[in-house]
Amino acid sequence: MRTLFPAPLSARPSRLPAAPASDPRRQRAGSAPAGAGLRAVNVLLVKTSSLGDVVHLLPAVAEAVAARPELRFHWLVEADYAEIPAWHRGVEQVIPVSFRRWRGRRLAMLRSPEWATFREQVAHLKYDRVIDAQGLIKSAWLASRARGRRCGPDRVSAREPLAALSYHERLAVPTDLHAVERLRRLLAGALGYALQPSPPGYGLESRLAALRRAVPAERVLLLHGSSWPNKRWPAAHWSELGRRVRAAGLIPALAWGDRAEQATATRIAAECEGEVLPRLGLGELLATLAGARAVVGVDSGLLHLAAAAGVPGLGLFGPTDPRRTGTWGGHILNLAAPLPCAPCRRRRCHSSEAALLGPDGEALEPPCLARLRPQRVWAALEPMLEARAMENGAGS
């Protein structure tokens, strides 16, 4: 481990620097200094992926900035998701890294001009804290490239226990909490402030307010795609739900991320007079989500982005546990599959339950999500649509 994590390690905590004087470096271009009379405290966050995991860190950053205005956050993140921390009012610099693209070619990565640029970015500033908010060997190694005192979850709390060997300070974070709550506790412990009694927002409020004024709320977004095959709701269920949305005078709109998801979206849209959205970047997705009447989605990064956008809707959970990785913030209701084996937390279904049959006699998979029938989902969604229509002054 010495070659992987070269810095000498100590588990003894140290205090953040005192803040007796104003620091002009804390000021953004064209803005007043944040935390008047306080010295800037430079913090590097390491949370590279996935989309949902990156979104989960936003509330903790919002809470940290509210508690300690002198905090100056930089964020190390996969280039594919670099837009997300850039939206946050509390993040001053985003450092993108294409670590996943070099999977299996690490030696070539270390020799690349791209890696040299990354090293230069993280080495130019001495950080007061470097916080690994991911708890993986990969993220711990990336954190060790920066100059500063490293903090992260202890062996019991980290997703990969060996990662804890690289931290100067190791923090115990309960593993039975929601991911957002765990991150709130990690940052509060590393940066020395008390948690707010009421949960913070995502820190995107001003951006979302402008988006909602610009986009008409006629669509109900159906977020059907997921990287896990057994997180997907059956296409026949999506088609039936889409028909109910269309009958209510709204547009069932389907997002997609790759060609397989596009083909599924096209099939569903054809069966419910729906709309297949074009391929959208993250900023376009946020705008589309913010302006929607509601969303329905399986456990995916897009569903968590919808939660950050503050749009009401439903999350459909089968193999994953909504108590730990469900949507957060209160706008989206999480529906759990009605089978005793759920949540199994497995990428492949091992259930012995008999499969339900679709309208054409096809088996509906996975068994847990197949039992979340469209009738139940619509019964939960319909009052949300009516309330949203009243908020918009559109009637119903």
Protein backbone atom coordinates (compact mmCIF):
# COMPACT_ATOMS: atom_id res chain seq x y z
CA MET A 1 0.00 0.00 0.00
CA ARG A 2 2.97 2.35 0.38
CA THR A 3 3.38 2.77 -3.35
CA LEU A 4 -0.34 3.34 -3.81
CA PHE A 5 -0.68 5.87 -0.96
CA PRO A 6 2.72 7.52 -0.58
CA ALA A 7 1.97 10.07 2.16
CA PRO A 8 2.68 9.19 5.82
CA LEU A 9 -0.55 8.40 7.60
CA SER A 10 -1.99 9.36 10.96
CA ALA A 11 -5.47 8.87 12.34
CA ARG A 12 -5.14 11.75 14.79
CA PRO A 13 -7.57 14.60 14.04
CA SER A 14 -6.34 18.12 13.48
CA ARG A 15 -8.29 21.33 13.61
CA LEU A 16 -9.08 23.35 10.55
CA PRO A 17 -7.13 26.61 10.38
CA ALA A 18 -8.38 29.49 12.47
CA ALA A 19 -10.12 32.22 10.54
CA PRO A 20 -9.18 35.58 12.00
CA ALA A 21 -8.87 37.68 8.87
CA SER A 22 -10.46 38.22 5.50
CA ASP A 23 -8.84 36.49 2.54
CA PRO A 24 -9.31 38.11 -0.87
CA ARG A 25 -8.80 34.73 -2.56
CA ARG A 26 -12.23 33.71 -1.25
CA GLN A 27 -13.90 36.25 -3.52
CA ARG A 28 -15.37 35.11 -6.81
CA ALA A 29 -15.02 37.36 -9.83
CA GLY A 30 -17.66 40.05 -9.63
CA SER A 31 -18.91 39.08 -6.17
CA ALA A 32 -18.42 40.16 -2.58
CA PRO A 33 -16.24 38.05 -0.29
CA ALA A 34 -18.16 35.17 1.30
CA GLY A 35 -17.74 34.97 5.04
CA ALA A 36 -16.58 38.51 5.78
CA GLY A 37 -13.72 38.54 8.29
CA LEU A 38 -12.97 34.83 7.79
CA ARG A 39 -9.93 33.27 6.17
CA ALA A 40 -10.77 31.01 3.25
CA VAL A 41 -10.61 27.28 3.99
CA ASN A 42 -9.79 25.33 0.84
CA VAL A 43 -11.45 21.91 0.56
CA LEU A 44 -11.14 19.35 -2.22
CA LEU A 45 -14.05 16.92 -2.53
CA VAL A 46 -13.47 13.62 -4.31
CA LYS A 47 -16.73 12.15 -5.58
CA THR A 48 -16.23 11.03 -9.14
CA SER A 49 -19.28 8.94 -10.06
CA SER A 50 -21.94 7.68 -10.63
CA LEU A 51 -24.57 10.25 -11.65
CA GLY A 52 -26.78 9.47 -8.65
CA ASP A 53 -23.84 9.44 -6.24
CA VAL A 54 -22.69 12.85 -7.45
CA VAL A 55 -26.20 14.26 -6.98
CA HIS A 56 -26.32 12.80 -3.45
CA LEU A 57 -23.38 14.97 -2.36
CA LEU A 58 -25.05 18.28 -3.30
CA PRO A 59 -27.13 18.70 -0.10
CA ALA A 60 -24.10 18.14 2.13
CA VAL A 61 -22.20 20.86 0.26
CA ALA A 62 -25.15 23.26 0.61
CA GLU A 63 -25.27 22.59 4.35
CA ALA A 64 -21.51 23.00 4.76
CA VAL A 65 -21.46 26.39 3.02
CA ALA A 66 -24.40 27.60 5.11
CA ALA A 67 -22.67 26.51 8.33
CA ARG A 68 -19.19 27.77 7.40
CA PRO A 69 -19.21 30.53 4.75
CA GLU A 70 -15.42 30.55 4.60
CA LEU A 71 -15.34 27.08 3.02
CA ARG A 72 -14.07 27.13 -0.53
CA PHE A 73 -14.95 23.90 -2.34
CA HIS A 74 -13.22 22.34 -5.31
CA TRP A 75 -14.69 19.07 -6.62
CA LEU A 76 -12.89 16.23 -8.40
CA VAL A 77 -15.42 14.41 -10.61
CA GLU A 78 -15.68 12.28 -13.74
CA ALA A 79 -15.74 14.51 -16.81
CA ASP A 80 -19.13 13.10 -17.86
CA TYR A 81 -20.70 14.56 -14.70
CA ALA A 82 -18.67 17.76 -14.37
CA GLU A 83 -21.69 19.97 -15.12
CA ILE A 84 -23.45 18.93 -11.92
CA PRO A 85 -21.07 20.37 -9.29
CA ALA A 86 -20.63 23.42 -11.55
CA TRP A 87 -24.35 24.18 -11.03
CA HIS A 88 -23.92 24.35 -7.26
CA ARG A 89 -23.61 27.79 -5.71
CA GLY A 90 -21.10 26.49 -3.14
CA VAL A 91 -18.58 24.97 -5.57
CA GLU A 92 -15.92 27.33 -6.89
CA GLN A 93 -13.91 25.01 -9.12
CA VAL A 94 -14.60 21.69 -10.81
CA ILE A 95 -11.68 19.40 -11.66
CA PRO A 96 -12.74 16.82 -14.27
CA VAL A 97 -10.99 13.48 -14.62
CA SER A 98 -11.73 10.76 -17.18
CA PHE A 99 -10.77 7.86 -14.93
CA ARG A 100 -13.41 5.46 -16.24
CA ARG A 101 -12.34 5.96 -19.86
CA TRP A 102 -8.89 4.62 -18.97
CA ARG A 103 -10.22 1.48 -17.28
CA GLY A 104 -7.81 -1.37 -17.99
CA ARG A 105 -5.19 1.08 -19.35
CA ARG A 106 -3.90 2.71 -16.18
CA LEU A 107 -0.25 2.83 -17.29
CA ALA A 108 -1.21 4.62 -20.49
CA MET A 109 -3.32 7.02 -18.45
CA LEU A 110 -0.38 7.94 -16.22
CA ARG A 111 1.69 8.76 -19.31
CA SER A 112 -1.00 10.79 -21.05
CA PRO A 113 -1.06 14.62 -21.44
CA GLU A 114 -4.53 14.50 -19.90
CA TRP A 115 -3.12 13.04 -16.70
CA ALA A 116 -0.33 15.61 -16.63
CA THR A 117 -2.94 18.37 -16.83
CA PHE A 118 -4.89 16.77 -14.00
CA ARG A 119 -1.78 16.53 -11.80
CA GLU A 120 -1.03 20.18 -12.42
CA GLN A 121 -4.59 21.18 -11.48
CA VAL A 122 -4.63 19.36 -8.14
CA ALA A 123 -1.04 20.20 -7.20
CA HIS A 124 -1.16 23.98 -7.61
CA LEU A 125 -3.07 24.57 -4.37
CA LYS A 126 -2.46 23.33 -0.83
CA TYR A 127 -5.82 22.20 0.52
CA ASP A 128 -6.80 22.45 4.17
CA ARG A 129 -8.85 19.29 3.72
CA VAL A 130 -9.09 16.64 1.01
CA ILE A 131 -12.29 14.66 1.59
CA ASP A 132 -12.81 11.32 -0.11
CA ALA A 133 -16.61 11.17 -0.18
CA GLN A 134 -16.66 7.89 -2.11
CA GLY A 135 -14.71 5.49 0.07
CA LEU A 136 -13.23 3.43 -2.76
CA ILE A 137 -9.61 2.49 -3.41
CA LYS A 138 -9.87 4.38 -6.71
CA SER A 139 -11.15 7.57 -5.09
CA ALA A 140 -8.66 7.30 -2.21
CA TRP A 141 -5.82 7.03 -4.72
CA LEU A 142 -7.08 10.09 -6.59
CA ALA A 143 -7.35 11.98 -3.30
CA SER A 144 -3.74 11.10 -2.51
CA ARG A 145 -2.60 13.01 -5.62
CA ALA A 146 -3.66 16.30 -3.99
CA ARG A 147 -1.72 18.21 -1.34
CA GLY A 148 -3.58 18.38 1.93
CA ARG A 149 -4.79 16.47 4.95
CA ARG A 150 -6.99 13.62 3.76
CA CYS A 151 -10.25 12.63 5.44
CA GLY A 152 -12.64 9.81 4.69
CA PRO A 153 -14.79 7.07 6.16
CA ASP A 154 -13.17 4.54 8.47
CA ARG A 155 -12.75 0.85 7.59
CA VAL A 156 -16.21 -0.08 8.82
CA SER A 157 -17.88 2.81 6.99
CA ALA A 158 -16.01 2.76 3.66
CA ARG A 159 -17.41 0.86 0.70
CA GLU A 160 -13.93 -0.62 0.23
CA PRO A 161 -12.26 -0.92 3.66
CA LEU A 162 -8.70 -0.74 2.30
CA ALA A 163 -9.38 2.81 1.14
CA ALA A 164 -9.33 3.94 4.78
CA LEU A 165 -5.59 3.20 4.99
CA SER A 166 -4.90 6.30 2.91
CA TYR A 167 -6.63 8.86 5.15
CA HIS A 168 -5.00 10.97 7.84
CA GLU A 169 -8.40 11.22 9.56
CA ARG A 170 -10.94 8.40 9.52
CA LEU A 171 -14.53 9.09 10.44
CA ALA A 172 -17.17 6.64 11.59
CA VAL A 173 -20.33 7.07 9.53
CA PRO A 174 -23.33 4.78 10.20
CA THR A 175 -23.89 2.43 7.28
CA ASP A 176 -27.64 2.01 7.78
CA LEU A 177 -28.51 5.60 6.82
CA HIS A 178 -29.57 7.06 3.50
CA ALA A 179 -26.62 7.95 1.27
CA VAL A 180 -27.34 11.69 1.58
CA GLU A 181 -27.43 11.47 5.38
CA ARG A 182 -24.13 9.61 5.41
CA LEU A 183 -22.51 12.30 3.30
CA ARG A 184 -23.92 15.04 5.53
CA ARG A 185 -22.30 13.37 8.53
CA LEU A 186 -19.01 12.82 6.73
CA LEU A 187 -18.63 16.48 5.75
CA ALA A 188 -19.81 17.76 9.13
CA GLY A 189 -17.27 15.56 10.92
CA ALA A 190 -14.42 16.45 8.57
CA LEU A 191 -15.11 20.20 8.60
CA GLY A 192 -16.26 20.71 12.18
CA TYR A 193 -19.84 21.99 12.14
CA ALA A 194 -23.17 20.79 13.52
CA LEU A 195 -25.85 19.31 11.28
CA GLN A 196 -28.89 21.46 10.69
CA PRO A 197 -32.07 20.23 12.43
CA SER A 198 -33.97 20.46 9.13
CA PRO A 199 -32.51 18.89 5.97
CA PRO A 200 -30.84 21.26 3.49
CA GLY A 201 -31.78 21.64 -0.15
CA TYR A 202 -29.60 20.68 -3.09
CA GLY A 203 -28.17 24.18 -3.59
CA LEU A 204 -29.64 24.58 -7.09
CA GLU A 205 -32.55 26.88 -6.21
CA SER A 206 -31.66 29.96 -8.27
CA ARG A 207 -30.84 27.90 -11.34
CA LEU A 208 -34.07 25.91 -11.08
CA ALA A 209 -36.22 29.02 -10.65
CA ALA A 210 -35.05 30.32 -14.02
CA LEU A 211 -35.57 26.95 -15.70
CA ARG A 212 -39.13 26.58 -14.45
CA ARG A 213 -40.06 29.93 -15.95
CA ALA A 214 -38.71 28.90 -19.33
CA VAL A 215 -40.17 25.40 -19.84
CA PRO A 216 -43.88 24.53 -20.17
CA ALA A 217 -45.12 21.82 -17.78
CA GLU A 218 -47.07 19.58 -20.16
CA ARG A 219 -44.93 16.48 -19.98
CA VAL A 220 -44.80 13.56 -17.60
CA LEU A 221 -41.31 12.16 -17.93
CA LEU A 222 -40.97 8.38 -17.93
CA LEU A 223 -37.43 7.47 -16.86
CA HIS A 224 -37.30 3.82 -17.86
CA GLY A 225 -33.57 3.20 -18.28
CA SER A 226 -31.12 1.73 -15.78
CA SER A 227 -27.69 0.13 -15.88
CA TRP A 228 -29.02 -2.86 -13.89
CA PRO A 229 -31.38 -5.06 -15.97
CA ASN A 230 -33.38 -6.00 -12.87
CA LYS A 231 -34.03 -2.35 -11.95
CA ARG A 232 -36.14 -1.89 -15.07
CA TRP A 233 -39.92 -1.80 -14.95
CA PRO A 234 -41.49 -3.98 -17.68
CA ALA A 235 -42.07 -2.15 -20.98
CA ALA A 236 -45.71 -3.29 -21.01
CA HIS A 237 -46.24 -1.51 -17.67
CA TRP A 238 -44.68 1.67 -19.04
CA SER A 239 -46.99 1.53 -22.06
CA GLU A 240 -50.08 1.17 -19.87
CA LEU A 241 -48.98 4.02 -17.62
CA GLY A 242 -48.28 6.17 -20.68
CA ARG A 243 -51.80 5.58 -21.98
CA ARG A 244 -53.23 6.80 -18.69
CA VAL A 245 -51.01 9.89 -18.82
CA ARG A 246 -52.19 10.60 -22.38
CA ALA A 247 -55.83 10.13 -21.35
CA ALA A 248 -55.29 12.79 -18.68
CA GLY A 249 -54.36 15.28 -21.40
CA LEU A 250 -50.61 15.20 -20.80
CA ILE A 251 -47.66 14.01 -22.86
CA PRO A 252 -45.81 10.85 -21.78
CA ALA A 253 -42.19 11.70 -22.67
CA LEU A 254 -39.37 9.17 -22.62
CA ALA A 255 -35.71 9.93 -22.04
CA TRP A 256 -32.90 7.58 -23.03
CA GLY A 257 -29.14 7.27 -22.69
CA ASP A 258 -27.99 4.68 -25.24
CA ARG A 259 -29.29 2.91 -28.34
CA ALA A 260 -30.90 0.05 -26.43
CA GLU A 261 -32.79 2.51 -24.23
CA GLN A 262 -33.74 4.53 -27.31
CA ALA A 263 -35.23 1.41 -28.92
CA THR A 264 -37.22 0.66 -25.76
CA ALA A 265 -38.42 4.27 -25.59
CA THR A 266 -39.53 4.12 -29.22
CA ARG A 267 -41.52 0.95 -28.60
CA ILE A 268 -43.22 2.35 -25.49
CA ALA A 269 -44.00 5.67 -27.18
CA ALA A 270 -45.60 3.90 -30.13
CA GLU A 271 -47.95 2.07 -27.76
CA CYS A 272 -49.06 5.14 -25.78
CA GLU A 273 -48.84 8.06 -28.24
CA GLY A 274 -45.80 9.26 -26.36
CA GLU A 275 -42.84 11.46 -27.21
CA VAL A 276 -39.30 10.17 -27.49
CA LEU A 277 -37.00 12.97 -26.39
CA PRO A 278 -33.80 13.65 -28.33
CA ARG A 279 -30.51 12.77 -26.74
CA LEU A 280 -30.00 15.40 -24.05
CA GLY A 281 -26.97 16.65 -22.15
CA LEU A 282 -27.12 17.06 -18.40
CA GLY A 283 -28.04 20.73 -18.55
CA GLU A 284 -30.84 20.01 -21.02
CA LEU A 285 -32.05 17.14 -18.85
CA LEU A 286 -32.16 19.36 -15.78
CA ALA A 287 -34.21 21.94 -17.68
CA THR A 288 -36.59 19.28 -19.01
CA LEU A 289 -37.02 17.74 -15.56
CA ALA A 290 -37.55 21.09 -13.86
CA GLY A 291 -40.33 21.98 -16.27
CA ALA A 292 -42.16 18.64 -16.21
CA ARG A 293 -45.55 18.14 -14.58
CA ALA A 294 -44.16 15.00 -12.89
CA VAL A 295 -41.75 12.12 -13.33
CA VAL A 296 -41.93 8.37 -12.89
CA GLY A 297 -38.66 6.50 -12.89
CA VAL A 298 -36.76 3.44 -11.83
CA ASP A 299 -33.72 3.70 -9.56
CA SER A 300 -31.26 5.56 -11.79
CA GLY A 301 -29.14 8.66 -11.92
CA LEU A 302 -31.87 10.49 -13.83
CA LEU A 303 -34.38 9.82 -11.05
CA HIS A 304 -32.00 11.33 -8.50
CA LEU A 305 -31.43 14.30 -10.80
CA ALA A 306 -35.23 14.70 -10.90
CA ALA A 307 -35.25 14.79 -7.09
CA ALA A 308 -32.63 17.55 -7.18
CA ALA A 309 -34.80 19.42 -9.70
CA GLY A 310 -37.65 19.40 -7.19
CA VAL A 311 -40.18 17.87 -9.57
CA PRO A 312 -42.87 15.65 -7.97
CA GLY A 313 -43.22 12.04 -8.98
CA LEU A 314 -42.65 8.40 -8.18
CA GLY A 315 -39.59 6.19 -7.85
CA LEU A 316 -40.03 2.47 -8.54
CA PHE A 317 -37.70 0.29 -6.47
CA GLY A 318 -37.16 -3.45 -6.66
CA PRO A 319 -33.67 -4.86 -5.95
CA THR A 320 -32.36 -1.67 -4.34
CA ASP A 321 -33.37 -0.27 -0.97
CA PRO A 322 -35.15 3.12 -1.08
CA ARG A 323 -34.28 3.62 2.59
CA ARG A 324 -30.59 3.83 1.64
CA THR A 325 -30.48 4.95 -1.98
CA GLY A 326 -34.00 6.20 -2.68
CA THR A 327 -34.77 9.70 -3.85
CA TRP A 328 -34.17 12.35 -1.21
CA GLY A 329 -35.87 15.64 -0.51
CA GLY A 330 -39.56 14.79 -0.21
CA HIS A 331 -40.76 15.61 -3.73
CA ILE A 332 -40.69 12.06 -5.06
CA LEU A 333 -42.53 9.17 -3.42
CA ASN A 334 -40.59 5.90 -3.44
CA LEU A 335 -42.68 2.79 -4.15
CA ALA A 336 -41.12 -0.52 -3.09
CA ALA A 337 -41.77 -3.84 -4.79
CA PRO A 338 -44.18 -6.11 -2.88
CA LEU A 339 -42.04 -9.25 -2.67
CA PRO A 340 -40.28 -10.60 0.44
CA CYS A 341 -36.98 -11.01 -1.45
CA ALA A 342 -36.87 -7.29 -2.26
CA PRO A 343 -34.59 -5.46 -1.83
CA CYS A 344 -32.03 -8.15 -2.67
CA ARG A 345 -29.30 -5.63 -3.72
CA ARG A 346 -28.27 -7.95 -6.56
CA ARG A 347 -27.63 -6.98 -10.16
CA ARG A 348 -29.25 -10.21 -11.40
CA CYS A 349 -32.54 -11.63 -10.22
CA HIS A 350 -32.41 -14.94 -8.32
CA SER A 351 -36.07 -15.03 -7.31
CA SER A 352 -38.03 -18.26 -7.49
CA GLU A 353 -41.30 -16.35 -7.84
CA ALA A 354 -43.31 -17.17 -10.93
CA ALA A 355 -43.15 -14.49 -13.59
CA LEU A 356 -46.28 -12.51 -14.38
CA LEU A 357 -47.44 -12.52 -18.00
CA GLY A 358 -47.89 -9.43 -20.12
CA PRO A 359 -50.72 -8.70 -22.56
CA ASP A 360 -49.01 -10.68 -25.32
CA GLY A 361 -48.19 -13.62 -23.05
CA GLU A 362 -44.58 -12.57 -22.49
CA ALA A 363 -42.96 -13.00 -19.09
CA LEU A 364 -42.62 -9.70 -17.23
CA GLU A 365 -39.24 -9.34 -15.55
CA PRO A 366 -38.06 -8.86 -12.88
CA PRO A 367 -40.79 -10.45 -10.71
CA CYS A 368 -40.52 -7.79 -8.00
CA LEU A 369 -41.01 -4.77 -10.24
CA ALA A 370 -43.57 -6.59 -12.39
CA ARG A 371 -45.77 -6.70 -9.29
CA LEU A 372 -45.74 -2.91 -9.05
CA ARG A 373 -48.69 -2.76 -11.41
CA PRO A 374 -49.54 0.31 -13.52
CA GLN A 375 -52.86 0.69 -11.71
CA ARG A 376 -51.08 1.18 -8.39
CA VAL A 377 -48.55 3.57 -9.89
CA TRP A 378 -51.27 5.65 -11.55
CA ALA A 379 -53.30 5.79 -8.33
CA ALA A 380 -50.27 7.36 -6.62
CA LEU A 381 -49.39 9.62 -9.56
CA GLU A 382 -52.82 11.08 -10.40
CA PRO A 383 -53.19 13.26 -7.27
CA MET A 384 -49.67 14.59 -7.82
CA LEU A 385 -50.63 15.68 -11.33
CA GLU A 386 -53.75 17.41 -10.05
CA ALA A 387 -51.81 19.25 -7.34
CA ARG A 388 -49.14 20.31 -9.84
CA ALA A 389 -51.82 21.64 -12.21
CA MET A 390 -53.30 23.74 -9.43
CA GLU A 391 -49.85 25.11 -8.53
CA ASN A 392 -49.31 26.13 -12.15
CA GLY A 393 -52.75 27.72 -12.34
CA ALA A 394 -53.58 25.48 -15.27
CA GLY A 395 -56.55 23.67 -13.78
CA SER A 396 -57.10 19.98 -14.40
